[in-house]
Structure formats: C-alpha cells, structure tokens
Amino acid sequence: MLNMLPTSDKKLLDKMSYEIFAKPFQGDIGYVFYNDGSPVGFARLIIGDTSVVSEVGVLPEHRRKGYGDFFTRSVLFRLIQISRTVKIAYKSAYYLPFGFTDEGEGMTIASEKLVFTQQCQHC
C-alpha cells in the first residue's frame, strides 16, 4: 500500500536526501512516501495559504515505477485542499499540464485552477 506521512526523523530525511539529491535535508519536517511500509521517497513542503513544493524525490532503486508521478500528484491534491495558491520552487515542464505558469525562479497556480488532465503513470 502506498501512503505519505510527515516526519521529523532527521536521520531518515538526511539519509534519503543524500541518496536522492546528494545533500542533507533542509528543514524540520519532511513528508515521506512509503510502499508497504518501506520509504521510497520524500517531499519537502512549506504549507500555508500559499504552499510551496521545494523538493520531491524518489530513491534511485524505486525509480521508473511511477512513484514520483503518483507522489507528486498526491502532494498537489492535498495542497489544493488547504492552500489558495501552490508554488513549485523550481521550474519543470512536468507541471505545465496541471496548469502551472512560469513565475521567475519557479512556477505557480491558484488552487482552484489546478487540473489533473492525464492519468497517473503509476495508476
């Protein structure tokens, strides 16, 4: 079963961040993605009226299974339920089909405008 849980376990977050991004985890809380109880990836988020997705990553041994797409969609779905605006702290063409627009160093969208037009790669 796939799920996502917040954690302040700095040891786990640092280990995953080094494996995915080759750097320590920046922040206090990360959202870890699990498959059958095993961590497979994480997201670093700032949650508020305007929420920011700073990083989403999947461990190398779990890539090419659609987890990154599934987890990113899950994060976006949760954020539009609690935030007026969602920002991505980096630019990626991946977010364009959802309706995100290029905004300086990142991308942004009003929550009510986010669309899920394609089927998830994991589904």
PDB file of N, CA and C in Angstrom:
ATOM      1  N   MET A   1       0.837  -1.171   0.000  1.00  0.00           N
ATOM      2  CA  MET A   1       0.000   0.000   0.000  1.00  0.00           C
ATOM      3  C   MET A   1       0.886   1.240   0.000  1.00  0.00           C
ATOM      4  N   LEU A   2       0.503   2.237  -0.759  1.00  0.00           N
ATOM      5  CA  LEU A   2       1.238   3.495  -0.849  1.00  0.00           C
ATOM      6  C   LEU A   2       0.621   4.513   0.093  1.00  0.00           C
ATOM      7  N   ASN A   3       1.467   5.211   0.862  1.00  0.00           N
ATOM      8  CA  ASN A   3       0.974   6.302   1.690  1.00  0.00           C
ATOM      9  C   ASN A   3       2.078   7.314   1.944  1.00  0.00           C
ATOM     10  N   MET A   4       1.679   8.448   2.506  1.00  0.00           N
ATOM     11  CA  MET A   4       2.603   9.541   2.759  1.00  0.00           C
ATOM     12  C   MET A   4       2.364  10.038   4.181  1.00  0.00           C
ATOM     13  N   LEU A   5       3.442  10.156   4.952  1.00  0.00           N
ATOM     14  CA  LEU A   5       3.335  10.602   6.342  1.00  0.00           C
ATOM     15  C   LEU A   5       4.394  11.656   6.653  1.00  0.00           C
ATOM     16  N   PRO A   6       4.030  12.670   7.450  1.00  0.00           N
ATOM     17  CA  PRO A   6       5.035  13.655   7.866  1.00  0.00           C
ATOM     18  C   PRO A   6       5.959  13.045   8.916  1.00  0.00           C
ATOM     19  N   THR A   7       7.206  13.509   8.940  1.00  0.00           N
ATOM     20  CA  THR A   7       8.148  13.050   9.949  1.00  0.00           C
ATOM     21  C   THR A   7       9.169  14.137  10.249  1.00  0.00           C
ATOM     22  N   SER A   8       9.661  14.107  11.475  1.00  0.00           N
ATOM     23  CA  SER A   8      10.767  14.983  11.860  1.00  0.00           C
ATOM     24  C   SER A   8      12.033  14.151  12.104  1.00  0.00           C
ATOM     25  N   ASP A   9      12.032  12.902  11.641  1.00  0.00           N
ATOM     26  CA  ASP A   9      13.169  11.994  11.806  1.00  0.00           C
ATOM     27  C   ASP A   9      14.312  12.478  10.905  1.00  0.00           C
ATOM     28  N   LYS A  10      15.167  13.333  11.479  1.00  0.00           N
ATOM     29  CA  LYS A  10      16.250  13.964  10.709  1.00  0.00           C
ATOM     30  C   LYS A  10      17.203  12.925  10.119  1.00  0.00           C
ATOM     31  N   LYS A  11      17.438  11.836  10.848  1.00  0.00           N
ATOM     32  CA  LYS A  11      18.328  10.790  10.347  1.00  0.00           C
ATOM     33  C   LYS A  11      17.768  10.175   9.057  1.00  0.00           C
ATOM     34  N   LEU A  12      16.485   9.843   9.059  1.00  0.00           N
ATOM     35  CA  LEU A  12      15.846   9.279   7.871  1.00  0.00           C
ATOM     36  C   LEU A  12      15.827  10.289   6.726  1.00  0.00           C
ATOM     37  N   LEU A  13      15.438  11.528   7.027  1.00  0.00           N
ATOM     38  CA  LEU A  13      15.351  12.554   5.988  1.00  0.00           C
ATOM     39  C   LEU A  13      16.713  12.877   5.385  1.00  0.00           C
ATOM     40  N   ASP A  14      17.746  12.973   6.227  1.00  0.00           N
ATOM     41  CA  ASP A  14      19.095  13.221   5.710  1.00  0.00           C
ATOM     42  C   ASP A  14      19.565  12.067   4.836  1.00  0.00           C
ATOM     43  N   LYS A  15      19.346  10.838   5.286  1.00  0.00           N
ATOM     44  CA  LYS A  15      19.774   9.654   4.521  1.00  0.00           C
ATOM     45  C   LYS A  15      19.117   9.649   3.137  1.00  0.00           C
ATOM     46  N   MET A  16      17.810   9.878   3.117  1.00  0.00           N
ATOM     47  CA  MET A  16      17.100   9.883   1.839  1.00  0.00           C
ATOM     48  C   MET A  16      17.542  11.045   0.963  1.00  0.00           C
ATOM     49  N   SER A  17      17.699  12.219   1.554  1.00  0.00           N
ATOM     50  CA  SER A  17      18.101  13.390   0.782  1.00  0.00           C
ATOM     51  C   SER A  17      19.486  13.202   0.163  1.00  0.00           C
ATOM     52  N   TYR A  18      20.426  12.601   0.913  1.00  0.00           N
ATOM     53  CA  TYR A  18      21.754  12.320   0.346  1.00  0.00           C
ATOM     54  C   TYR A  18      21.647  11.346  -0.822  1.00  0.00           C
ATOM     55  N   GLU A  19      20.813  10.320  -0.694  1.00  0.00           N
ATOM     56  CA  GLU A  19      20.676   9.329  -1.769  1.00  0.00           C
ATOM     57  C   GLU A  19      20.003   9.905  -3.002  1.00  0.00           C
ATOM     58  N   ILE A  20      19.087  10.836  -2.803  1.00  0.00           N
ATOM     59  CA  ILE A  20      18.333  11.394  -3.934  1.00  0.00           C
ATOM     60  C   ILE A  20      18.990  12.647  -4.503  1.00  0.00           C
ATOM     61  N   PHE A  21      19.369  13.578  -3.629  1.00  0.00           N
ATOM     62  CA  PHE A  21      19.859  14.881  -4.069  1.00  0.00           C
ATOM     63  C   PHE A  21      21.316  15.165  -3.720  1.00  0.00           C
ATOM     64  N   ALA A  22      22.001  14.227  -3.058  1.00  0.00           N
ATOM     65  CA  ALA A  22      23.409  14.378  -2.667  1.00  0.00           C
ATOM     66  C   ALA A  22      23.640  15.579  -1.758  1.00  0.00           C
ATOM     67  N   LYS A  23      22.693  15.825  -0.867  1.00  0.00           N
ATOM     68  CA  LYS A  23      22.818  16.909   0.099  1.00  0.00           C
ATOM     69  C   LYS A  23      21.945  16.589   1.303  1.00  0.00           C
ATOM     70  N   PRO A  24      22.221  17.224   2.457  1.00  0.00           N
ATOM     71  CA  PRO A  24      21.388  16.972   3.633  1.00  0.00           C
ATOM     72  C   PRO A  24      19.996  17.584   3.463  1.00  0.00           C
ATOM     73  N   PHE A  25      19.048  17.056   4.215  1.00  0.00           N
ATOM     74  CA  PHE A  25      17.688  17.581   4.196  1.00  0.00           C
ATOM     75  C   PHE A  25      17.674  18.966   4.814  1.00  0.00           C
ATOM     76  N   GLN A  26      17.050  19.906   4.167  1.00  0.00           N
ATOM     77  CA  GLN A  26      16.934  21.280   4.658  1.00  0.00           C
ATOM     78  C   GLN A  26      15.546  21.463   5.252  1.00  0.00           C
ATOM     79  N   GLY A  27      15.447  21.627   6.542  1.00  0.00           N
ATOM     80  CA  GLY A  27      14.146  21.843   7.173  1.00  0.00           C
ATOM     81  C   GLY A  27      13.947  20.940   8.367  1.00  0.00           C
ATOM     82  N   ASP A  28      12.777  21.055   8.947  1.00  0.00           N
ATOM     83  CA  ASP A  28      12.468  20.294  10.152  1.00  0.00           C
ATOM     84  C   ASP A  28      11.540  19.110   9.899  1.00  0.00           C
ATOM     85  N   ILE A  29      10.642  19.254   8.929  1.00  0.00           N
ATOM     86  CA  ILE A  29       9.655  18.201   8.666  1.00  0.00           C
ATOM     87  C   ILE A  29       9.683  17.845   7.189  1.00  0.00           C
ATOM     88  N   GLY A  30       9.648  16.557   6.921  1.00  0.00           N
ATOM     89  CA  GLY A  30       9.552  16.063   5.553  1.00  0.00           C
ATOM     90  C   GLY A  30       8.353  15.138   5.452  1.00  0.00           C
ATOM     91  N   TYR A  31       7.878  14.939   4.260  1.00  0.00           N
ATOM     92  CA  TYR A  31       6.758  14.051   4.004  1.00  0.00           C
ATOM     93  C   TYR A  31       7.310  12.848   3.269  1.00  0.00           C
ATOM     94  N   VAL A  32       7.326  11.710   3.960  1.00  0.00           N
ATOM     95  CA  VAL A  32       7.953  10.507   3.426  1.00  0.00           C
ATOM     96  C   VAL A  32       6.888   9.633   2.768  1.00  0.00           C
ATOM     97  N   PHE A  33       7.229   9.126   1.584  1.00  0.00           N
ATOM     98  CA  PHE A  33       6.356   8.245   0.834  1.00  0.00           C
ATOM     99  C   PHE A  33       6.757   6.813   1.110  1.00  0.00           C
ATOM    100  N   TYR A  34       5.784   6.006   1.408  1.00  0.00           N
ATOM    101  CA  TYR A  34       6.025   4.609   1.745  1.00  0.00           C
ATOM    102  C   TYR A  34       5.304   3.687   0.776  1.00  0.00           C
ATOM    103  N   ASN A  35       5.931   2.568   0.478  1.00  0.00           N
ATOM    104  CA  ASN A  35       5.301   1.471  -0.254  1.00  0.00           C
ATOM    105  C   ASN A  35       5.403   0.253   0.649  1.00  0.00           C
ATOM    106  N   ASP A  36       4.268  -0.231   1.108  1.00  0.00           N
ATOM    107  CA  ASP A  36       4.221  -1.382   2.022  1.00  0.00           C
ATOM    108  C   ASP A  36       5.139  -1.185   3.228  1.00  0.00           C
ATOM    109  N   GLY A  37       5.143   0.014   3.786  1.00  0.00           N
ATOM    110  CA  GLY A  37       5.906   0.302   4.987  1.00  0.00           C
ATOM    111  C   GLY A  37       7.358   0.674   4.781  1.00  0.00           C
ATOM    112  N   SER A  38       7.865   0.583   3.559  1.00  0.00           N
ATOM    113  CA  SER A  38       9.257   0.941   3.269  1.00  0.00           C
ATOM    114  C   SER A  38       9.310   2.318   2.622  1.00  0.00           C
ATOM    115  N   PRO A  39      10.184   3.204   3.109  1.00  0.00           N
ATOM    116  CA  PRO A  39      10.286   4.530   2.488  1.00  0.00           C
ATOM    117  C   PRO A  39      10.856   4.432   1.070  1.00  0.00           C
ATOM    118  N   VAL A  40      10.219   5.131   0.147  1.00  0.00           N
ATOM    119  CA  VAL A  40      10.685   5.136  -1.241  1.00  0.00           C
ATOM    120  C   VAL A  40      10.984   6.541  -1.755  1.00  0.00           C
ATOM    121  N   GLY A  41      10.563   7.566  -1.011  1.00  0.00           N
ATOM    122  CA  GLY A  41      10.813   8.929  -1.447  1.00  0.00           C
ATOM    123  C   GLY A  41      10.335   9.923  -0.414  1.00  0.00           C
ATOM    124  N   PHE A  42      10.539  11.208  -0.686  1.00  0.00           N
ATOM    125  CA  PHE A  42      10.076  12.237   0.236  1.00  0.00           C
ATOM    126  C   PHE A  42       9.819  13.537  -0.504  1.00  0.00           C
ATOM    127  N   ALA A  43       9.103  14.422   0.185  1.00  0.00           N
ATOM    128  CA  ALA A  43       8.868  15.773  -0.315  1.00  0.00           C
ATOM    129  C   ALA A  43       9.199  16.754   0.793  1.00  0.00           C
ATOM    130  N   ARG A  44       9.712  17.888   0.383  1.00  0.00           N
ATOM    131  CA  ARG A  44       9.933  18.996   1.320  1.00  0.00           C
ATOM    132  C   ARG A  44       8.946  20.077   0.926  1.00  0.00           C
ATOM    133  N   LEU A  45       8.064  20.434   1.864  1.00  0.00           N
ATOM    134  CA  LEU A  45       6.974  21.355   1.589  1.00  0.00           C
ATOM    135  C   LEU A  45       6.943  22.466   2.628  1.00  0.00           C
ATOM    136  N   ILE A  46       6.416  23.591   2.231  1.00  0.00           N
ATOM    137  CA  ILE A  46       6.036  24.659   3.150  1.00  0.00           C
ATOM    138  C   ILE A  46       4.533  24.783   2.985  1.00  0.00           C
ATOM    139  N   ILE A  47       3.794  24.576   4.057  1.00  0.00           N
ATOM    140  CA  ILE A  47       2.342  24.540   3.960  1.00  0.00           C
ATOM    141  C   ILE A  47       1.744  25.771   4.610  1.00  0.00           C
ATOM    142  N   GLY A  48       0.847  26.420   3.871  1.00  0.00           N
ATOM    143  CA  GLY A  48       0.178  27.617   4.368  1.00  0.00           C
ATOM    144  C   GLY A  48      -0.842  28.078   3.359  1.00  0.00           C
ATOM    145  N   ASP A  49      -1.264  29.329   3.444  1.00  0.00           N
ATOM    146  CA  ASP A  49      -2.205  29.881   2.481  1.00  0.00           C
ATOM    147  C   ASP A  49      -1.622  29.783   1.071  1.00  0.00           C
ATOM    148  N   THR A  50      -0.324  30.026   0.985  1.00  0.00           N
ATOM    149  CA  THR A  50       0.439  29.721  -0.224  1.00  0.00           C
ATOM    150  C   THR A  50       1.410  28.617   0.168  1.00  0.00           C
ATOM    151  N   SER A  51       1.229  27.457  -0.418  1.00  0.00           N
ATOM    152  CA  SER A  51       2.114  26.319  -0.112  1.00  0.00           C
ATOM    153  C   SER A  51       3.179  26.205  -1.184  1.00  0.00           C
ATOM    154  N   VAL A  52       4.356  25.728  -0.768  1.00  0.00           N
ATOM    155  CA  VAL A  52       5.491  25.626  -1.680  1.00  0.00           C
ATOM    156  C   VAL A  52       6.014  24.195  -1.680  1.00  0.00           C
ATOM    157  N   VAL A  53       6.168  23.652  -2.877  1.00  0.00           N
ATOM    158  CA  VAL A  53       6.812  22.359  -3.059  1.00  0.00           C
ATOM    159  C   VAL A  53       8.273  22.664  -3.366  1.00  0.00           C
ATOM    160  N   SER A  54       9.155  22.349  -2.407  1.00  0.00           N
ATOM    161  CA  SER A  54      10.575  22.642  -2.585  1.00  0.00           C
ATOM    162  C   SER A  54      11.321  21.508  -3.261  1.00  0.00           C
ATOM    163  N   GLU A  55      10.958  20.268  -2.906  1.00  0.00           N
ATOM    164  CA  GLU A  55      11.607  19.084  -3.486  1.00  0.00           C
ATOM    165  C   GLU A  55      10.642  17.907  -3.443  1.00  0.00           C
ATOM    166  N   VAL A  56      10.725  17.083  -4.447  1.00  0.00           N
ATOM    167  CA  VAL A  56      10.068  15.777  -4.451  1.00  0.00           C
ATOM    168  C   VAL A  56      11.075  14.826  -5.067  1.00  0.00           C
ATOM    169  N   GLY A  57      11.354  13.726  -4.380  1.00  0.00           N
ATOM    170  CA  GLY A  57      12.344  12.793  -4.918  1.00  0.00           C
ATOM    171  C   GLY A  57      12.042  11.362  -4.531  1.00  0.00           C
ATOM    172  N   VAL A  58      12.500  10.459  -5.374  1.00  0.00           N
ATOM    173  CA  VAL A  58      12.329   9.023  -5.167  1.00  0.00           C
ATOM    174  C   VAL A  58      13.717   8.388  -5.117  1.00  0.00           C
ATOM    175  N   LEU A  59      13.908   7.468  -4.172  1.00  0.00           N
ATOM    176  CA  LEU A  59      15.189   6.760  -4.074  1.00  0.00           C
ATOM    177  C   LEU A  59      15.524   6.075  -5.392  1.00  0.00           C
ATOM    178  N   PRO A  60      16.798   6.057  -5.766  1.00  0.00           N
ATOM    179  CA  PRO A  60      17.194   5.502  -7.069  1.00  0.00           C
ATOM    180  C   PRO A  60      16.658   4.089  -7.352  1.00  0.00           C
ATOM    181  N   GLU A  61      16.647   3.223  -6.360  1.00  0.00           N
ATOM    182  CA  GLU A  61      16.199   1.848  -6.596  1.00  0.00           C
ATOM    183  C   GLU A  61      14.685   1.727  -6.797  1.00  0.00           C
ATOM    184  N   HIS A  62      13.946   2.821  -6.573  1.00  0.00           N
ATOM    185  CA  HIS A  62      12.487   2.793  -6.743  1.00  0.00           C
ATOM    186  C   HIS A  62      12.019   3.647  -7.921  1.00  0.00           C
ATOM    187  N   ARG A  63      12.938   4.134  -8.715  1.00  0.00           N
ATOM    188  CA  ARG A  63      12.576   4.967  -9.871  1.00  0.00           C
ATOM    189  C   ARG A  63      12.077   4.098 -11.022  1.00  0.00           C
ATOM    190  N   ARG A  64      11.419   4.748 -11.949  1.00  0.00           N
ATOM    191  CA  ARG A  64      10.872   4.106 -13.162  1.00  0.00           C
ATOM    192  C   ARG A  64       9.708   3.171 -12.843  1.00  0.00           C
ATOM    193  N   LYS A  65       9.034   3.440 -11.721  1.00  0.00           N
ATOM    194  CA  LYS A  65       7.861   2.647 -11.337  1.00  0.00           C
ATOM    195  C   LYS A  65       6.614   3.525 -11.255  1.00  0.00           C
ATOM    196  N   GLY A  66       6.758   4.809 -11.551  1.00  0.00           N
ATOM    197  CA  GLY A  66       5.645   5.744 -11.484  1.00  0.00           C
ATOM    198  C   GLY A  66       5.423   6.358 -10.113  1.00  0.00           C
ATOM    199  N   TYR A  67       6.274   6.025  -9.137  1.00  0.00           N
ATOM    200  CA  TYR A  67       6.089   6.552  -7.784  1.00  0.00           C
ATOM    201  C   TYR A  67       6.212   8.071  -7.738  1.00  0.00           C
ATOM    202  N   GLY A  68       7.197   8.622  -8.419  1.00  0.00           N
ATOM    203  CA  GLY A  68       7.392  10.074  -8.400  1.00  0.00           C
ATOM    204  C   GLY A  68       6.163  10.810  -8.898  1.00  0.00           C
ATOM    205  N   ASP A  69       5.577  10.332  -9.982  1.00  0.00           N
ATOM    206  CA  ASP A  69       4.366  10.935 -10.529  1.00  0.00           C
ATOM    207  C   ASP A  69       3.208  10.790  -9.542  1.00  0.00           C
ATOM    208  N   PHE A  70       3.030   9.600  -9.006  1.00  0.00           N
ATOM    209  CA  PHE A  70       1.948   9.351  -8.058  1.00  0.00           C
ATOM    210  C   PHE A  70       2.102  10.224  -6.814  1.00  0.00           C
ATOM    211  N   PHE A  71       3.308  10.284  -6.261  1.00  0.00           N
ATOM    212  CA  PHE A  71       3.532  11.065  -5.052  1.00  0.00           C
ATOM    213  C   PHE A  71       3.362  12.557  -5.306  1.00  0.00           C
ATOM    214  N   THR A  72       3.864  13.032  -6.433  1.00  0.00           N
ATOM    215  CA  THR A  72       3.718  14.452  -6.752  1.00  0.00           C
ATOM    216  C   THR A  72       2.250  14.817  -6.889  1.00  0.00           C
ATOM    217  N   ARG A  73       1.475  13.979  -7.575  1.00  0.00           N
ATOM    218  CA  ARG A  73       0.032  14.221  -7.702  1.00  0.00           C
ATOM    219  C   ARG A  73      -0.650  14.194  -6.341  1.00  0.00           C
ATOM    220  N   SER A  74      -0.234  13.284  -5.477  1.00  0.00           N
ATOM    221  CA  SER A  74      -0.815  13.198  -4.132  1.00  0.00           C
ATOM    222  C   SER A  74      -0.527  14.466  -3.340  1.00  0.00           C
ATOM    223  N   VAL A  75       0.697  14.947  -3.432  1.00  0.00           N
ATOM    224  CA  VAL A  75       1.074  16.188  -2.754  1.00  0.00           C
ATOM    225  C   VAL A  75       0.233  17.342  -3.286  1.00  0.00           C
ATOM    226  N   LEU A  76       0.147  17.464  -4.595  1.00  0.00           N
ATOM    227  CA  LEU A  76      -0.622  18.562  -5.190  1.00  0.00           C
ATOM    228  C   LEU A  76      -2.087  18.494  -4.773  1.00  0.00           C
ATOM    229  N   PHE A  77      -2.655  17.305  -4.779  1.00  0.00           N
ATOM    230  CA  PHE A  77      -4.060  17.145  -4.404  1.00  0.00           C
ATOM    231  C   PHE A  77      -4.288  17.590  -2.955  1.00  0.00           C
ATOM    232  N   ARG A  78      -3.396  17.211  -2.078  1.00  0.00           N
ATOM    233  CA  ARG A  78      -3.537  17.624  -0.675  1.00  0.00           C
ATOM    234  C   ARG A  78      -3.366  19.132  -0.521  1.00  0.00           C
ATOM    235  N   LEU A  79      -2.403  19.693  -1.228  1.00  0.00           N
ATOM    236  CA  LEU A  79      -2.136  21.123  -1.081  1.00  0.00           C
ATOM    237  C   LEU A  79      -3.275  21.988  -1.602  1.00  0.00           C
ATOM    238  N   ILE A  80      -3.927  21.601  -2.700  1.00  0.00           N
ATOM    239  CA  ILE A  80      -5.027  22.432  -3.212  1.00  0.00           C
ATOM    240  C   ILE A  80      -6.242  22.392  -2.288  1.00  0.00           C
ATOM    241  N   GLN A  81      -6.294  21.407  -1.414  1.00  0.00           N
ATOM    242  CA  GLN A  81      -7.397  21.337  -0.452  1.00  0.00           C
ATOM    243  C   GLN A  81      -7.203  22.298   0.717  1.00  0.00           C
ATOM    244  N   ILE A  82      -5.977  22.724   0.979  1.00  0.00           N
ATOM    245  CA  ILE A  82      -5.706  23.560   2.154  1.00  0.00           C
ATOM    246  C   ILE A  82      -5.065  24.910   1.832  1.00  0.00           C
ATOM    247  N   SER A  83      -4.705  25.140   0.580  1.00  0.00           N
ATOM    248  CA  SER A  83      -3.989  26.366   0.207  1.00  0.00           C
ATOM    249  C   SER A  83      -4.706  27.083  -0.929  1.00  0.00           C
ATOM    250  N   ARG A  84      -4.605  28.390  -0.926  1.00  0.00           N
ATOM    251  CA  ARG A  84      -5.186  29.163  -2.033  1.00  0.00           C
ATOM    252  C   ARG A  84      -4.294  29.110  -3.278  1.00  0.00           C
ATOM    253  N   THR A  85      -2.994  29.038  -3.030  1.00  0.00           N
ATOM    254  CA  THR A  85      -2.017  29.046  -4.114  1.00  0.00           C
ATOM    255  C   THR A  85      -0.980  27.971  -3.841  1.00  0.00           C
ATOM    256  N   VAL A  86      -0.522  27.343  -4.909  1.00  0.00           N
ATOM    257  CA  VAL A  86       0.553  26.359  -4.793  1.00  0.00           C
ATOM    258  C   VAL A  86       1.705  26.828  -5.676  1.00  0.00           C
ATOM    259  N   LYS A  87       2.885  26.831  -5.093  1.00  0.00           N
ATOM    260  CA  LYS A  87       4.094  27.215  -5.836  1.00  0.00           C
ATOM    261  C   LYS A  87       5.044  26.028  -5.881  1.00  0.00           C
ATOM    262  N   ILE A  88       5.767  25.947  -6.969  1.00  0.00           N
ATOM    263  CA  ILE A  88       6.846  24.991  -7.133  1.00  0.00           C
ATOM    264  C   ILE A  88       8.122  25.825  -7.079  1.00  0.00           C
ATOM    265  N   ALA A  89       9.069  25.450  -6.245  1.00  0.00           N
ATOM    266  CA  ALA A  89      10.267  26.259  -6.027  1.00  0.00           C
ATOM    267  C   ALA A  89      11.288  26.145  -7.150  1.00  0.00           C
ATOM    268  N   TYR A  90      10.971  25.383  -8.178  1.00  0.00           N
ATOM    269  CA  TYR A  90      11.866  25.183  -9.310  1.00  0.00           C
ATOM    270  C   TYR A  90      11.017  25.099 -10.575  1.00  0.00           C
ATOM    271  N   LYS A  91      11.655  25.125 -11.713  1.00  0.00           N
ATOM    272  CA  LYS A  91      10.931  25.031 -12.982  1.00  0.00           C
ATOM    273  C   LYS A  91      11.037  23.622 -13.540  1.00  0.00           C
ATOM    274  N   SER A  92       9.924  23.114 -14.042  1.00  0.00           N
ATOM    275  CA  SER A  92       9.902  21.803 -14.685  1.00  0.00           C
ATOM    276  C   SER A  92       8.694  21.734 -15.613  1.00  0.00           C
ATOM    277  N   ALA A  93       8.915  21.286 -16.828  1.00  0.00           N
ATOM    278  CA  ALA A  93       7.820  21.125 -17.784  1.00  0.00           C
ATOM    279  C   ALA A  93       6.783  20.132 -17.276  1.00  0.00           C
ATOM    280  N   TYR A  94       7.152  19.280 -16.344  1.00  0.00           N
ATOM    281  CA  TYR A  94       6.230  18.300 -15.765  1.00  0.00           C
ATOM    282  C   TYR A  94       4.960  18.976 -15.236  1.00  0.00           C
ATOM    283  N   TYR A  95       5.089  20.173 -14.669  1.00  0.00           N
ATOM    284  CA  TYR A  95       3.968  20.842 -14.024  1.00  0.00           C
ATOM    285  C   TYR A  95       3.072  21.623 -14.987  1.00  0.00           C
ATOM    286  N   LEU A  96       3.498  21.841 -16.216  1.00  0.00           N
ATOM    287  CA  LEU A  96       2.703  22.616 -17.169  1.00  0.00           C
ATOM    288  C   LEU A  96       1.325  22.012 -17.448  1.00  0.00           C
ATOM    289  N   PRO A  97       1.170  20.691 -17.658  1.00  0.00           N
ATOM    290  CA  PRO A  97      -0.165  20.142 -17.916  1.00  0.00           C
ATOM    291  C   PRO A  97      -1.159  20.332 -16.762  1.00  0.00           C
ATOM    292  N   PHE A  98      -0.662  20.568 -15.552  1.00  0.00           N
ATOM    293  CA  PHE A  98      -1.536  20.809 -14.401  1.00  0.00           C
ATOM    294  C   PHE A  98      -2.059  22.247 -14.399  1.00  0.00           C
ATOM    295  N   GLY A  99      -1.458  23.103 -15.229  1.00  0.00           N
ATOM    296  CA  GLY A  99      -1.862  24.496 -15.318  1.00  0.00           C
ATOM    297  C   GLY A  99      -0.908  25.479 -14.659  1.00  0.00           C
ATOM    298  N   PHE A 100       0.219  25.001 -14.138  1.00  0.00           N
ATOM    299  CA  PHE A 100       1.193  25.891 -13.521  1.00  0.00           C
ATOM    300  C   PHE A 100       1.769  26.825 -14.570  1.00  0.00           C
ATOM    301  N   THR A 101       2.072  28.048 -14.151  1.00  0.00           N
ATOM    302  CA  THR A 101       2.716  29.006 -15.043  1.00  0.00           C
ATOM    303  C   THR A 101       4.090  29.354 -14.503  1.00  0.00           C
ATOM    304  N   ASP A 102       4.956  29.717 -15.403  1.00  0.00           N
ATOM    305  CA  ASP A 102       6.330  30.100 -15.088  1.00  0.00           C
ATOM    306  C   ASP A 102       6.305  31.429 -14.343  1.00  0.00           C
ATOM    307  N   GLU A 103       6.890  31.465 -13.171  1.00  0.00           N
ATOM    308  CA  GLU A 103       6.919  32.672 -12.342  1.00  0.00           C
ATOM    309  C   GLU A 103       8.328  32.890 -11.823  1.00  0.00           C
ATOM    310  N   GLY A 104       9.166  33.552 -12.555  1.00  0.00           N
ATOM    311  CA  GLY A 104      10.523  33.836 -12.094  1.00  0.00           C
ATOM    312  C   GLY A 104      11.343  32.568 -11.943  1.00  0.00           C
ATOM    313  N   GLU A 105      11.724  32.235 -10.701  1.00  0.00           N
ATOM    314  CA  GLU A 105      12.563  31.062 -10.457  1.00  0.00           C
ATOM    315  C   GLU A 105      11.758  29.775 -10.310  1.00  0.00           C
ATOM    316  N   GLY A 106      10.450  29.883 -10.215  1.00  0.00           N
ATOM    317  CA  GLY A 106       9.615  28.698 -10.024  1.00  0.00           C
ATOM    318  C   GLY A 106       8.352  28.758 -10.841  1.00  0.00           C
ATOM    319  N   MET A 107       7.315  28.082 -10.334  1.00  0.00           N
ATOM    320  CA  MET A 107       6.034  28.006 -11.034  1.00  0.00           C
ATOM    321  C   MET A 107       4.922  28.164 -10.003  1.00  0.00           C
ATOM    322  N   THR A 108       3.742  28.620 -10.459  1.00  0.00           N
ATOM    323  CA  THR A 108       2.649  28.844  -9.520  1.00  0.00           C
ATOM    324  C   THR A 108       1.298  28.584 -10.169  1.00  0.00           C
ATOM    325  N   ILE A 109       0.293  28.346  -9.299  1.00  0.00           N
ATOM    326  CA  ILE A 109      -1.082  28.179  -9.763  1.00  0.00           C
ATOM    327  C   ILE A 109      -2.026  28.481  -8.604  1.00  0.00           C
ATOM    328  N   ALA A 110      -3.165  29.058  -8.920  1.00  0.00           N
ATOM    329  CA  ALA A 110      -4.237  29.200  -7.931  1.00  0.00           C
ATOM    330  C   ALA A 110      -4.846  27.813  -7.765  1.00  0.00           C
ATOM    331  N   SER A 111      -5.105  27.407  -6.546  1.00  0.00           N
ATOM    332  CA  SER A 111      -5.552  26.042  -6.274  1.00  0.00           C
ATOM    333  C   SER A 111      -6.781  25.632  -7.083  1.00  0.00           C
ATOM    334  N   GLU A 112      -7.731  26.544  -7.240  1.00  0.00           N
ATOM    335  CA  GLU A 112      -8.952  26.183  -7.973  1.00  0.00           C
ATOM    336  C   GLU A 112      -8.713  25.978  -9.468  1.00  0.00           C
ATOM    337  N   LYS A 113      -7.556  26.362  -9.965  1.00  0.00           N
ATOM    338  CA  LYS A 113      -7.255  26.207 -11.390  1.00  0.00           C
ATOM    339  C   LYS A 113      -6.451  24.952 -11.712  1.00  0.00           C
ATOM    340  N   LEU A 114      -5.952  24.266 -10.679  1.00  0.00           N
ATOM    341  CA  LEU A 114      -5.151  23.062 -10.930  1.00  0.00           C
ATOM    342  C   LEU A 114      -6.024  21.966 -11.538  1.00  0.00           C
ATOM    343  N   VAL A 115      -5.517  21.330 -12.598  1.00  0.00           N
ATOM    344  CA  VAL A 115      -6.260  20.264 -13.277  1.00  0.00           C
ATOM    345  C   VAL A 115      -5.397  19.005 -13.368  1.00  0.00           C
ATOM    346  N   PHE A 116      -6.055  17.875 -13.281  1.00  0.00           N
ATOM    347  CA  PHE A 116      -5.404  16.586 -13.459  1.00  0.00           C
ATOM    348  C   PHE A 116      -5.916  16.025 -14.785  1.00  0.00           C
ATOM    349  N   THR A 117      -5.263  16.418 -15.893  1.00  0.00           N
ATOM    350  CA  THR A 117      -5.761  16.074 -17.223  1.00  0.00           C
ATOM    351  C   THR A 117      -5.292  14.724 -17.726  1.00  0.00           C
ATOM    352  N   GLN A 118      -4.252  14.192 -17.143  1.00  0.00           N
ATOM    353  CA  GLN A 118      -3.707  12.918 -17.606  1.00  0.00           C
ATOM    354  C   GLN A 118      -3.801  11.873 -16.509  1.00  0.00           C
ATOM    355  N   GLN A 119      -3.798  10.626 -16.902  1.00  0.00           N
ATOM    356  CA  GLN A 119      -3.785   9.559 -15.910  1.00  0.00           C
ATOM    357  C   GLN A 119      -2.414   9.470 -15.273  1.00  0.00           C
ATOM    358  N   CYS A 120      -2.392   9.166 -14.013  1.00  0.00           N
ATOM    359  CA  CYS A 120      -1.156   8.974 -13.278  1.00  0.00           C
ATOM    360  C   CYS A 120      -0.348   7.829 -13.897  1.00  0.00           C
ATOM    361  N   GLN A 121       0.967   7.961 -13.972  1.00  0.00           N
ATOM    362  CA  GLN A 121       1.820   6.927 -14.552  1.00  0.00           C
ATOM    363  C   GLN A 121       1.855   5.661 -13.701  1.00  0.00           C
ATOM    364  N   HIS A 122       1.537   5.801 -12.408  1.00  0.00           N
ATOM    365  CA  HIS A 122       1.542   4.625 -11.520  1.00  0.00           C
ATOM    366  C   HIS A 122       0.206   3.887 -11.574  1.00  0.00           C
ATOM    367  N   CYS A 123      -0.869   4.626 -11.934  1.00  0.00           N
ATOM    368  CA  CYS A 123      -2.219   4.047 -11.898  1.00  0.00           C
ATOM    369  C   CYS A 123      -2.509   3.161 -13.110  1.00  0.00           C
TER     370      CYS A 123
END
